[in-house]
Protein backbone atom coordinates (compact mmCIF):
# COMPACT_ATOMS: atom_id res chain seq x y z
CA MET A 1 -5.60 45.86 125.86
CA ILE A 2 -2.97 47.16 123.93
CA ASP A 3 -0.88 44.14 124.96
CA ASP A 4 -3.66 41.66 124.04
CA ILE A 5 -3.64 43.04 120.39
CA ALA A 6 0.19 43.09 120.34
CA LYS A 7 0.44 39.25 121.85
CA ASP A 8 -2.47 38.34 119.18
CA ALA A 9 -0.82 39.60 116.45
CA GLU A 10 2.63 38.23 117.60
CA GLN A 11 1.32 34.88 117.76
CA ARG A 12 -0.38 34.85 114.64
CA MET A 13 2.74 36.28 112.76
CA ARG A 14 4.72 33.34 114.55
CA LYS A 15 2.33 30.78 113.08
CA SER A 16 2.85 32.36 109.56
CA VAL A 17 6.64 31.76 109.76
CA GLU A 18 6.05 28.32 111.11
CA SER A 19 3.63 27.64 108.51
CA LEU A 20 6.09 28.90 105.77
CA ASN A 21 9.01 26.70 107.35
CA GLN A 22 6.84 23.53 107.06
CA ASP A 23 6.06 24.45 103.41
CA LEU A 24 9.65 24.78 102.50
CA HIS A 25 10.70 21.61 103.93
CA LYS A 26 8.32 20.15 101.54
CA ILE A 27 10.29 21.51 98.31
CA ARG A 28 12.77 18.91 97.19
CA THR A 29 16.58 19.98 97.33
CA GLY A 30 18.02 16.97 95.67
CA ARG A 31 18.67 15.34 99.00
CA ALA A 32 16.51 12.78 100.39
CA HIS A 33 14.12 13.61 103.06
CA THR A 34 11.02 11.88 104.66
CA SER A 35 9.18 14.94 104.58
CA LEU A 36 8.89 14.92 100.97
CA LEU A 37 6.31 11.98 101.32
CA ASP A 38 4.03 13.83 103.97
CA GLN A 39 1.42 14.67 101.30
CA VAL A 40 1.15 10.98 100.02
CA SER A 41 -2.23 9.48 100.97
CA VAL A 42 -2.45 5.56 100.59
CA SER A 43 -6.16 4.00 100.55
CA TYR A 44 -6.02 1.91 103.31
CA TYR A 45 -8.88 -0.71 103.74
CA GLY A 46 -11.19 1.83 102.12
CA SER A 47 -10.17 5.05 103.80
CA ASP A 48 -7.25 7.50 102.73
CA VAL A 49 -4.69 7.78 105.40
CA PRO A 50 -1.01 9.62 105.39
CA LEU A 51 1.73 7.33 103.88
CA ASN A 52 3.34 7.37 107.45
CA GLN A 53 0.49 5.69 109.09
CA ALA A 54 0.71 2.63 106.70
CA ALA A 55 4.41 2.37 106.33
CA SER A 56 7.53 3.66 107.87
CA VAL A 57 9.66 6.12 105.70
CA ALA A 58 13.63 6.25 106.16
CA VAL A 59 16.25 7.99 104.41
CA GLY A 60 18.59 5.18 102.92
CA ASP A 61 21.17 7.39 101.78
CA SER A 62 21.46 10.94 100.53
CA ARG A 63 19.69 10.19 97.32
CA THR A 64 17.23 7.48 98.21
CA LEU A 65 14.05 6.85 100.49
CA VAL A 66 13.15 3.53 101.95
CA VAL A 67 9.38 2.92 102.28
CA THR A 68 8.56 -0.45 104.52
CA PRO A 69 4.92 -1.31 104.56
CA PHE A 70 3.21 -2.42 107.97
CA GLU A 71 1.70 -4.96 106.09
CA LYS A 72 2.81 -7.09 102.96
CA THR A 73 -0.56 -6.37 101.22
CA MET A 74 0.00 -2.61 101.37
CA THR A 75 3.11 -2.61 99.07
CA ALA A 76 1.38 -2.26 95.81
CA PRO A 77 -1.19 0.47 96.92
CA ILE A 78 1.61 2.31 98.61
CA GLU A 79 3.75 2.01 95.17
CA LYS A 80 0.81 3.47 93.40
CA ALA A 81 0.07 6.21 95.65
CA ILE A 82 3.67 7.66 95.31
CA MET A 83 3.61 7.30 91.68
CA GLU A 84 0.07 9.10 91.47
CA SER A 85 1.66 11.97 93.86
CA ASN A 86 3.02 14.38 91.28
CA LEU A 87 6.16 14.17 92.82
CA GLY A 88 7.98 13.04 89.86
CA LEU A 89 9.36 10.00 91.91
CA THR A 90 9.45 6.49 90.52
CA PRO A 91 9.43 3.56 93.26
CA ASN A 92 11.24 0.41 92.86
CA THR A 93 9.91 -2.49 94.94
CA SER A 94 12.15 -5.54 95.92
CA GLY A 95 10.01 -8.04 98.04
CA GLN A 96 8.49 -5.74 100.92
CA THR A 97 10.67 -2.61 100.58
CA ILE A 98 10.19 0.08 98.26
CA ARG A 99 13.00 2.20 97.40
CA ILE A 100 12.61 5.57 96.04
CA PRO A 101 15.81 7.09 94.28
CA LEU A 102 15.70 10.86 93.82
CA PRO A 103 16.73 12.22 90.63
CA SER A 104 19.19 14.92 90.64
CA LEU A 105 18.20 18.39 89.92
CA THR A 106 19.19 20.10 86.69
CA GLU A 107 20.11 23.78 86.93
CA GLU A 108 17.11 24.99 85.16
CA ARG A 109 14.96 22.89 87.94
CA ARG A 110 16.85 24.29 90.68
CA ARG A 111 16.09 28.14 89.56
CA ASP A 112 12.39 27.08 89.21
CA LEU A 113 12.33 25.99 92.64
CA VAL A 114 13.98 29.09 93.97
CA LYS A 115 10.94 30.98 92.37
CA VAL A 116 8.81 28.83 93.88
CA VAL A 117 10.26 29.29 97.25
CA ARG A 118 10.29 33.04 96.81
CA GLY A 119 6.58 32.91 96.00
CA GLU A 120 5.91 31.12 99.30
CA GLY A 121 8.14 33.42 100.92
CA GLU A 122 6.26 36.53 99.80
CA GLN A 123 2.82 34.95 100.69
CA ALA A 124 4.17 34.78 104.27
CA LYS A 125 5.27 38.15 104.09
CA VAL A 126 1.84 39.34 102.92
CA ALA A 127 0.23 37.48 105.74
CA ILE A 128 2.39 39.18 108.27
CA ARG A 129 1.46 42.60 106.77
CA ASN A 130 -2.04 41.52 106.96
CA ILE A 131 -1.80 40.99 110.37
CA ARG A 132 -0.05 44.46 111.16
CA ARG A 133 -2.99 46.04 109.15
CA ASP A 134 -5.62 44.34 111.50
CA ALA A 135 -3.60 45.14 114.78
CA ASN A 136 -3.52 48.66 113.59
CA GLY A 137 -6.92 48.93 112.65
CA ASP A 138 -7.92 47.74 115.93
CA PHE A 139 -5.89 50.51 117.48
CA LYS A 140 -7.54 53.06 115.44
CA GLN A 141 -11.13 51.51 116.27
CA MET A 142 -10.01 51.79 120.03
CA LEU A 143 -8.96 55.34 119.49
CA LYS A 144 -12.12 56.16 117.70
CA ASP A 145 -14.33 54.81 120.40
CA LYS A 146 -12.06 56.82 123.20
CA ASP A 147 -10.72 53.64 124.95
CA ILE A 148 -7.25 54.58 124.35
CA THR A 149 -5.15 58.00 123.98
CA GLU A 150 -3.58 59.11 120.76
CA ASP A 151 -0.19 58.39 122.56
CA ASP A 152 -1.03 54.79 123.44
CA ALA A 153 -2.28 54.14 119.71
CA LYS A 154 0.91 55.48 118.40
CA GLN A 155 2.93 53.43 120.89
CA GLY A 156 0.85 50.41 119.71
CA GLU A 157 1.56 50.66 116.15
CA GLU A 158 5.23 51.20 116.77
CA ARG A 159 5.34 48.05 118.72
CA ILE A 160 3.34 46.22 115.64
CA GLN A 161 5.77 47.56 113.28
CA LYS A 162 8.77 46.08 115.56
CA LEU A 163 7.09 42.78 115.47
CA THR A 164 6.59 42.97 111.92
CA ASP A 165 9.98 43.71 110.99
CA GLN A 166 11.24 41.00 113.25
CA TYR A 167 8.97 38.34 111.64
CA VAL A 168 9.71 39.62 107.72
CA GLY A 169 13.59 39.39 108.99
CA GLU A 170 13.00 35.72 109.85
CA VAL A 171 11.19 34.77 106.68
CA ASP A 172 13.85 36.69 104.65
CA GLY A 173 16.48 34.09 106.73
CA LEU A 174 14.42 31.06 106.03
CA LEU A 175 14.39 31.90 102.23
CA ALA A 176 18.00 32.78 102.11
CA ALA A 177 18.99 29.24 103.85
CA LYS A 178 16.72 27.57 101.24
CA GLU A 179 17.73 29.22 98.39
CA GLU A 180 21.43 28.11 99.27
CA GLU A 181 20.31 24.67 99.97
CA LEU A 182 18.66 24.72 96.58
CA MET A 183 21.55 26.04 94.45
CA ALA A 184 24.16 23.71 96.17
CA VAL A 185 25.21 21.01 93.83
């Protein structure tokens, strides 16, 4: 039973770290990356679909994204969706190809993005600590119900604390790497 709780906690902590990693990839670092447009939705024959289902997205060079619609008629709606996405990007259309130049980040903007990254990291750490609290609560309840001994509960809590320390360390590593990437000129 203790193993089940520990495995569940570890799985949930791993998902928290993966979620943070995905969120960090969406934060722009000044370099072109196709995941910047993952949150853009395009009206495609009456329904909203992710941009990557209506066009191919590629990196032209380190500061340019290239979007090629699958159909010629989708060029204007895709361009409009990118402009309305609140990403601060201005697409340039030439024929059927949409080029999106990424403006270089100012020092102030970089510092703001570092604050955003730290906030995301803190949310991930809080989620991991909440998972620890839930698991420890399960151990206390099992002890109260006399399903486990005090020694088993103590060992379980120590195991959960080791997992917590491990995943908080992973979060710190992700944050440090992203901050370094953001501050690089």
